[in-house]
Amino acid sequence: MVKNMKKIYSFLIALLLISNTAYAELKIGAEGGFTFADIRAEETAQILANASGSTVTYEYDKATWMGRVFGDYAFNSDIHAEIGYFLTGSLDATYKISGSQATESYDAMGIDLAIVMYTDELFFKAGMHSSELNGAASLTIGGTTYSVTESISGSGFLVGGGFESDDSRFGLTYYSDMGGDADSDMTFLSYGVKF
């Protein structure tokens, strides 16, 4: 993840150096909202049921909170660059089978870089992210709990858009391949402000 961060910072510095400094403007922003992701709990429950030959009941989260802070650099009124840091809450799932219980949870963090195009009060953005996806699982059998944790990191693309007026914004951003995993995507529904 450090290597990807260096690439992103280098790219941003290059953009700053070639920009038109007569207009250039830097603002700081913060966004908060909900991120939606499919942790494929139904598939996991089916695997457990097939392996045990028993019925598995389960419940799981479809969304959790997400926060993001970012820097916004305006090359002109229509084209900006954003670099941000994001962090999510935990998406959890619980499975129950024949007196035993299994749980799993996932959270993510990372940095992103995007080019943002404005047309009136609408904006559209595209870029990339370098992220870390953290997972934890536990299995309780007969009062004994077994736990395992794992983290993966990698990069993916992002696309999004929204509405911005007077430095307040509503947005929707899709992040692909969280932690570099092709099956781990998330969608961020947000409200934010710039200062």
C-alpha atoms as a PDB file:
ATOM      1  CA  MET A   1       0.000   0.000   0.000  1.00  0.00           C
ATOM      2  CA  VAL A   2       2.932   2.363   0.708  1.00  0.00           C
ATOM      3  CA  LYS A   3       4.240   1.910  -2.850  1.00  0.00           C
ATOM      4  CA  ASN A   4       0.807   2.808  -4.288  1.00  0.00           C
ATOM      5  CA  MET A   5       0.587   5.843  -1.991  1.00  0.00           C
ATOM      6  CA  LYS A   6       3.936   7.108  -3.324  1.00  0.00           C
ATOM      7  CA  LYS A   7       2.661   6.754  -6.903  1.00  0.00           C
ATOM      8  CA  ILE A   8      -0.519   8.660  -6.086  1.00  0.00           C
ATOM      9  CA  TYR A   9       1.366  11.464  -4.320  1.00  0.00           C
ATOM     10  CA  SER A  10       3.817  11.729  -7.229  1.00  0.00           C
ATOM     11  CA  PHE A  11       0.939  11.959  -9.700  1.00  0.00           C
ATOM     12  CA  LEU A  12      -0.757  14.679  -7.647  1.00  0.00           C
ATOM     13  CA  ILE A  13       2.459  16.701  -7.412  1.00  0.00           C
ATOM     14  CA  ALA A  14       2.882  16.429 -11.191  1.00  0.00           C
ATOM     15  CA  LEU A  15      -0.653  17.723 -11.677  1.00  0.00           C
ATOM     16  CA  LEU A  16       0.025  20.642  -9.359  1.00  0.00           C
ATOM     17  CA  LEU A  17       3.197  21.561 -11.260  1.00  0.00           C
ATOM     18  CA  ILE A  18       1.518  21.621 -14.679  1.00  0.00           C
ATOM     19  CA  SER A  19      -1.629  23.411 -13.568  1.00  0.00           C
ATOM     20  CA  ASN A  20      -2.560  26.993 -14.372  1.00  0.00           C
ATOM     21  CA  THR A  21      -1.536  28.743 -11.144  1.00  0.00           C
ATOM     22  CA  ALA A  22      -3.502  31.876 -12.111  1.00  0.00           C
ATOM     23  CA  TYR A  23      -6.715  30.043 -11.150  1.00  0.00           C
ATOM     24  CA  ALA A  24      -5.462  27.262  -8.878  1.00  0.00           C
ATOM     25  CA  GLU A  25      -7.374  26.877  -5.620  1.00  0.00           C
ATOM     26  CA  LEU A  26      -6.959  24.315  -2.848  1.00  0.00           C
ATOM     27  CA  LYS A  27      -9.756  23.358  -0.439  1.00  0.00           C
ATOM     28  CA  ILE A  28     -10.121  20.729   2.259  1.00  0.00           C
ATOM     29  CA  GLY A  29     -13.276  18.637   2.538  1.00  0.00           C
ATOM     30  CA  ALA A  30     -14.980  15.956   4.599  1.00  0.00           C
ATOM     31  CA  GLU A  31     -17.698  13.466   3.655  1.00  0.00           C
ATOM     32  CA  GLY A  32     -19.727  11.007   5.660  1.00  0.00           C
ATOM     33  CA  GLY A  33     -22.443   8.534   4.863  1.00  0.00           C
ATOM     34  CA  PHE A  34     -23.075   4.885   4.228  1.00  0.00           C
ATOM     35  CA  THR A  35     -21.194   2.322   2.207  1.00  0.00           C
ATOM     36  CA  PHE A  36     -23.023  -0.665   0.752  1.00  0.00           C
ATOM     37  CA  ALA A  37     -21.262  -3.948   0.015  1.00  0.00           C
ATOM     38  CA  ASP A  38     -22.200  -7.578  -0.545  1.00  0.00           C
ATOM     39  CA  ILE A  39     -20.237  -9.828   1.831  1.00  0.00           C
ATOM     40  CA  ARG A  40     -21.865 -12.869   0.192  1.00  0.00           C
ATOM     41  CA  ALA A  41     -23.333 -14.187   3.444  1.00  0.00           C
ATOM     42  CA  GLU A  42     -25.866 -16.308   1.571  1.00  0.00           C
ATOM     43  CA  GLU A  43     -23.070 -18.142  -0.251  1.00  0.00           C
ATOM     44  CA  THR A  44     -21.177 -18.719   3.003  1.00  0.00           C
ATOM     45  CA  ALA A  45     -24.319 -20.055   4.694  1.00  0.00           C
ATOM     46  CA  GLN A  46     -24.851 -22.489   1.807  1.00  0.00           C
ATOM     47  CA  ILE A  47     -21.240 -23.709   2.040  1.00  0.00           C
ATOM     48  CA  LEU A  48     -21.685 -24.309   5.783  1.00  0.00           C
ATOM     49  CA  ALA A  49     -24.984 -26.116   5.209  1.00  0.00           C
ATOM     50  CA  ASN A  50     -23.465 -28.353   2.518  1.00  0.00           C
ATOM     51  CA  ALA A  51     -20.464 -29.187   4.698  1.00  0.00           C
ATOM     52  CA  SER A  52     -22.505 -29.986   7.795  1.00  0.00           C
ATOM     53  CA  GLY A  53     -25.691 -31.407   6.317  1.00  0.00           C
ATOM     54  CA  SER A  54     -27.633 -29.131   8.681  1.00  0.00           C
ATOM     55  CA  THR A  55     -29.799 -26.052   8.321  1.00  0.00           C
ATOM     56  CA  VAL A  56     -27.905 -22.779   8.762  1.00  0.00           C
ATOM     57  CA  THR A  57     -29.583 -19.567   9.880  1.00  0.00           C
ATOM     58  CA  TYR A  58     -27.780 -16.275   9.306  1.00  0.00           C
ATOM     59  CA  GLU A  59     -28.084 -12.509   9.514  1.00  0.00           C
ATOM     60  CA  TYR A  60     -25.781  -9.917   8.029  1.00  0.00           C
ATOM     61  CA  ASP A  61     -25.181  -6.209   7.432  1.00  0.00           C
ATOM     62  CA  LYS A  62     -25.752  -4.730   4.002  1.00  0.00           C
ATOM     63  CA  ALA A  63     -24.281  -1.320   4.864  1.00  0.00           C
ATOM     64  CA  THR A  64     -22.083   0.452   7.400  1.00  0.00           C
ATOM     65  CA  TRP A  65     -20.811   3.970   7.993  1.00  0.00           C
ATOM     66  CA  MET A  66     -17.975   5.481   5.997  1.00  0.00           C
ATOM     67  CA  GLY A  67     -15.991   8.689   6.419  1.00  0.00           C
ATOM     68  CA  ARG A  68     -13.629  10.437   4.042  1.00  0.00           C
ATOM     69  CA  VAL A  69     -11.407  13.530   4.265  1.00  0.00           C
ATOM     70  CA  PHE A  70      -9.954  14.984   1.086  1.00  0.00           C
ATOM     71  CA  GLY A  71      -8.059  17.785  -0.583  1.00  0.00           C
ATOM     72  CA  ASP A  72      -9.630  19.404  -3.640  1.00  0.00           C
ATOM     73  CA  TYR A  73      -7.339  21.207  -6.090  1.00  0.00           C
ATOM     74  CA  ALA A  74      -9.087  23.264  -8.770  1.00  0.00           C
ATOM     75  CA  PHE A  75      -7.162  23.681 -12.020  1.00  0.00           C
ATOM     76  CA  ASN A  76     -10.036  25.797 -13.308  1.00  0.00           C
ATOM     77  CA  SER A  77     -13.774  26.029 -12.613  1.00  0.00           C
ATOM     78  CA  ASP A  78     -14.497  22.808 -14.540  1.00  0.00           C
ATOM     79  CA  ILE A  79     -11.590  20.478 -13.718  1.00  0.00           C
ATOM     80  CA  HIS A  80     -10.414  19.543 -10.225  1.00  0.00           C
ATOM     81  CA  ALA A  81      -8.240  16.832  -8.671  1.00  0.00           C
ATOM     82  CA  GLU A  82      -9.102  15.166  -5.373  1.00  0.00           C
ATOM     83  CA  ILE A  83      -6.962  13.081  -3.067  1.00  0.00           C
ATOM     84  CA  GLY A  84      -8.663  11.519  -0.070  1.00  0.00           C
ATOM     85  CA  TYR A  85      -8.387   9.107   2.840  1.00  0.00           C
ATOM     86  CA  PHE A  86     -11.371   6.910   3.721  1.00  0.00           C
ATOM     87  CA  LEU A  87     -12.318   4.562   6.526  1.00  0.00           C
ATOM     88  CA  THR A  88     -15.346   2.296   6.967  1.00  0.00           C
ATOM     89  CA  GLY A  89     -17.135   0.687   9.853  1.00  0.00           C
ATOM     90  CA  SER A  90     -17.552  -3.075  10.079  1.00  0.00           C
ATOM     91  CA  LEU A  91     -19.873  -5.231   7.986  1.00  0.00           C
ATOM     92  CA  ASP A  92     -20.793  -8.251  10.100  1.00  0.00           C
ATOM     93  CA  ALA A  93     -22.459 -11.616   9.557  1.00  0.00           C
ATOM     94  CA  THR A  94     -23.509 -14.297  12.063  1.00  0.00           C
ATOM     95  CA  TYR A  95     -24.238 -17.945  11.217  1.00  0.00           C
ATOM     96  CA  LYS A  96     -25.886 -20.462  13.571  1.00  0.00           C
ATOM     97  CA  ILE A  97     -25.821 -24.210  13.067  1.00  0.00           C
ATOM     98  CA  SER A  98     -26.619 -27.087  15.460  1.00  0.00           C
ATOM     99  CA  GLY A  99     -25.692 -25.231  18.641  1.00  0.00           C
ATOM    100  CA  SER A 100     -22.556 -23.706  17.127  1.00  0.00           C
ATOM    101  CA  GLN A 101     -22.019 -20.180  15.884  1.00  0.00           C
ATOM    102  CA  ALA A 102     -19.702 -18.531  13.362  1.00  0.00           C
ATOM    103  CA  THR A 103     -19.166 -14.838  12.764  1.00  0.00           C
ATOM    104  CA  GLU A 104     -17.287 -12.785  10.197  1.00  0.00           C
ATOM    105  CA  SER A 105     -16.630  -9.061   9.800  1.00  0.00           C
ATOM    106  CA  TYR A 106     -14.973  -6.811   7.248  1.00  0.00           C
ATOM    107  CA  ASP A 107     -13.787  -3.205   7.235  1.00  0.00           C
ATOM    108  CA  ALA A 108     -11.699  -1.140   4.848  1.00  0.00           C
ATOM    109  CA  MET A 109      -9.448   1.905   4.659  1.00  0.00           C
ATOM    110  CA  GLY A 110      -7.407   3.542   1.952  1.00  0.00           C
ATOM    111  CA  ILE A 111      -6.492   6.537  -0.136  1.00  0.00           C
ATOM    112  CA  ASP A 112      -7.979   7.629  -3.436  1.00  0.00           C
ATOM    113  CA  LEU A 113      -7.133  10.007  -6.256  1.00  0.00           C
ATOM    114  CA  ALA A 114      -9.608  11.238  -8.859  1.00  0.00           C
ATOM    115  CA  ILE A 115     -10.079  13.805 -11.576  1.00  0.00           C
ATOM    116  CA  VAL A 116     -13.380  15.632 -11.069  1.00  0.00           C
ATOM    117  CA  MET A 117     -15.269  17.411 -13.859  1.00  0.00           C
ATOM    118  CA  TYR A 118     -17.938  19.993 -13.055  1.00  0.00           C
ATOM    119  CA  THR A 119     -20.813  21.122 -15.233  1.00  0.00           C
ATOM    120  CA  ASP A 120     -22.977  23.691 -13.477  1.00  0.00           C
ATOM    121  CA  GLU A 121     -23.797  22.099 -10.096  1.00  0.00           C
ATOM    122  CA  LEU A 122     -23.216  18.499 -11.198  1.00  0.00           C
ATOM    123  CA  PHE A 123     -19.882  16.719 -10.892  1.00  0.00           C
ATOM    124  CA  PHE A 124     -18.476  13.465 -12.239  1.00  0.00           C
ATOM    125  CA  LYS A 125     -15.246  11.817 -11.153  1.00  0.00           C
ATOM    126  CA  ALA A 126     -13.015   8.909 -12.088  1.00  0.00           C
ATOM    127  CA  GLY A 127      -9.780   7.696 -10.592  1.00  0.00           C
ATOM    128  CA  MET A 128      -8.099   4.985  -8.574  1.00  0.00           C
ATOM    129  CA  HIS A 129      -7.703   3.878  -4.977  1.00  0.00           C
ATOM    130  CA  SER A 130      -5.152   1.965  -2.941  1.00  0.00           C
ATOM    131  CA  SER A 131      -6.940   0.176  -0.110  1.00  0.00           C
ATOM    132  CA  GLU A 132      -6.679  -2.382   2.645  1.00  0.00           C
ATOM    133  CA  LEU A 133      -9.482  -4.846   3.399  1.00  0.00           C
ATOM    134  CA  ASN A 134      -9.464  -6.401   6.867  1.00  0.00           C
ATOM    135  CA  GLY A 135     -11.383  -9.557   7.723  1.00  0.00           C
ATOM    136  CA  ALA A 136     -11.963 -11.396  10.981  1.00  0.00           C
ATOM    137  CA  ALA A 137     -13.815 -14.646  11.608  1.00  0.00           C
ATOM    138  CA  SER A 138     -14.587 -16.764  14.640  1.00  0.00           C
ATOM    139  CA  LEU A 139     -16.182 -20.153  15.237  1.00  0.00           C
ATOM    140  CA  THR A 140     -17.650 -21.203  18.590  1.00  0.00           C
ATOM    141  CA  ILE A 141     -18.128 -24.912  19.233  1.00  0.00           C
ATOM    142  CA  GLY A 142     -19.008 -26.278  22.655  1.00  0.00           C
ATOM    143  CA  GLY A 143     -18.020 -23.067  24.427  1.00  0.00           C
ATOM    144  CA  THR A 144     -14.598 -22.870  22.735  1.00  0.00           C
ATOM    145  CA  THR A 145     -13.973 -20.031  20.261  1.00  0.00           C
ATOM    146  CA  TYR A 146     -11.476 -20.213  17.403  1.00  0.00           C
ATOM    147  CA  SER A 147     -10.520 -16.936  15.698  1.00  0.00           C
ATOM    148  CA  VAL A 148      -8.645 -15.886  12.591  1.00  0.00           C
ATOM    149  CA  THR A 149      -7.867 -12.488  11.037  1.00  0.00           C
ATOM    150  CA  GLU A 150      -6.525 -11.523   7.623  1.00  0.00           C
ATOM    151  CA  SER A 151      -5.734  -8.322   5.729  1.00  0.00           C
ATOM    152  CA  ILE A 152      -5.211  -7.831   2.018  1.00  0.00           C
ATOM    153  CA  SER A 153      -4.180  -4.713   0.137  1.00  0.00           C
ATOM    154  CA  GLY A 154      -4.273  -3.630  -3.466  1.00  0.00           C
ATOM    155  CA  SER A 155      -5.756  -1.117  -5.856  1.00  0.00           C
ATOM    156  CA  GLY A 156      -8.785  -0.604  -8.057  1.00  0.00           C
ATOM    157  CA  PHE A 157     -10.705   2.083  -9.903  1.00  0.00           C
ATOM    158  CA  LEU A 158     -13.447   4.425  -8.758  1.00  0.00           C
ATOM    159  CA  VAL A 159     -16.202   6.322 -10.538  1.00  0.00           C
ATOM    160  CA  GLY A 160     -18.816   8.622  -9.128  1.00  0.00           C
ATOM    161  CA  GLY A 161     -20.811  11.772  -9.352  1.00  0.00           C
ATOM    162  CA  GLY A 162     -23.231  14.003  -7.564  1.00  0.00           C
ATOM    163  CA  PHE A 163     -24.539  17.471  -6.884  1.00  0.00           C
ATOM    164  CA  GLU A 164     -22.548  20.336  -5.366  1.00  0.00           C
ATOM    165  CA  SER A 165     -23.679  23.824  -4.406  1.00  0.00           C
ATOM    166  CA  ASP A 166     -21.991  26.405  -2.156  1.00  0.00           C
ATOM    167  CA  ASP A 167     -19.320  23.891  -1.108  1.00  0.00           C
ATOM    168  CA  SER A 168     -21.914  21.335   0.084  1.00  0.00           C
ATOM    169  CA  ARG A 169     -22.276  18.121  -1.865  1.00  0.00           C
ATOM    170  CA  PHE A 170     -24.254  14.934  -2.181  1.00  0.00           C
ATOM    171  CA  GLY A 171     -22.456  12.120  -3.973  1.00  0.00           C
ATOM    172  CA  LEU A 172     -22.393   8.477  -4.960  1.00  0.00           C
ATOM    173  CA  THR A 173     -19.043   6.738  -5.572  1.00  0.00           C
ATOM    174  CA  TYR A 174     -18.348   3.176  -6.642  1.00  0.00           C
ATOM    175  CA  TYR A 175     -15.044   1.612  -5.515  1.00  0.00           C
ATOM    176  CA  SER A 176     -13.973  -1.563  -7.326  1.00  0.00           C
ATOM    177  CA  ASP A 177     -11.650  -4.317  -6.086  1.00  0.00           C
ATOM    178  CA  MET A 178     -11.255  -3.291  -2.445  1.00  0.00           C
ATOM    179  CA  GLY A 179      -7.938  -4.570  -1.130  1.00  0.00           C
ATOM    180  CA  GLY A 180      -7.204  -5.749  -4.673  1.00  0.00           C
ATOM    181  CA  ASP A 181      -9.935  -8.414  -4.435  1.00  0.00           C
ATOM    182  CA  ALA A 182     -11.999  -8.587  -7.634  1.00  0.00           C
ATOM    183  CA  ASP A 183     -15.059  -9.766  -5.660  1.00  0.00           C
ATOM    184  CA  SER A 184     -15.006  -6.923  -3.107  1.00  0.00           C
ATOM    185  CA  ASP A 185     -16.665  -3.725  -4.305  1.00  0.00           C
ATOM    186  CA  MET A 186     -18.441  -0.995  -2.368  1.00  0.00           C
ATOM    187  CA  THR A 187     -20.720   1.943  -3.091  1.00  0.00           C
ATOM    188  CA  PHE A 188     -20.456   5.107  -0.973  1.00  0.00           C
ATOM    189  CA  LEU A 189     -23.535   7.336  -0.552  1.00  0.00           C
ATOM    190  CA  SER A 190     -22.337  10.580   1.007  1.00  0.00           C
ATOM    191  CA  TYR A 191     -22.944  14.125   2.141  1.00  0.00           C
ATOM    192  CA  GLY A 192     -19.929  16.415   2.382  1.00  0.00           C
ATOM    193  CA  VAL A 193     -18.637  19.954   2.759  1.00  0.00           C
ATOM    194  CA  LYS A 194     -15.540  21.818   1.551  1.00  0.00           C
ATOM    195  CA  PHE A 195     -13.742  24.533   3.488  1.00  0.00           C
END
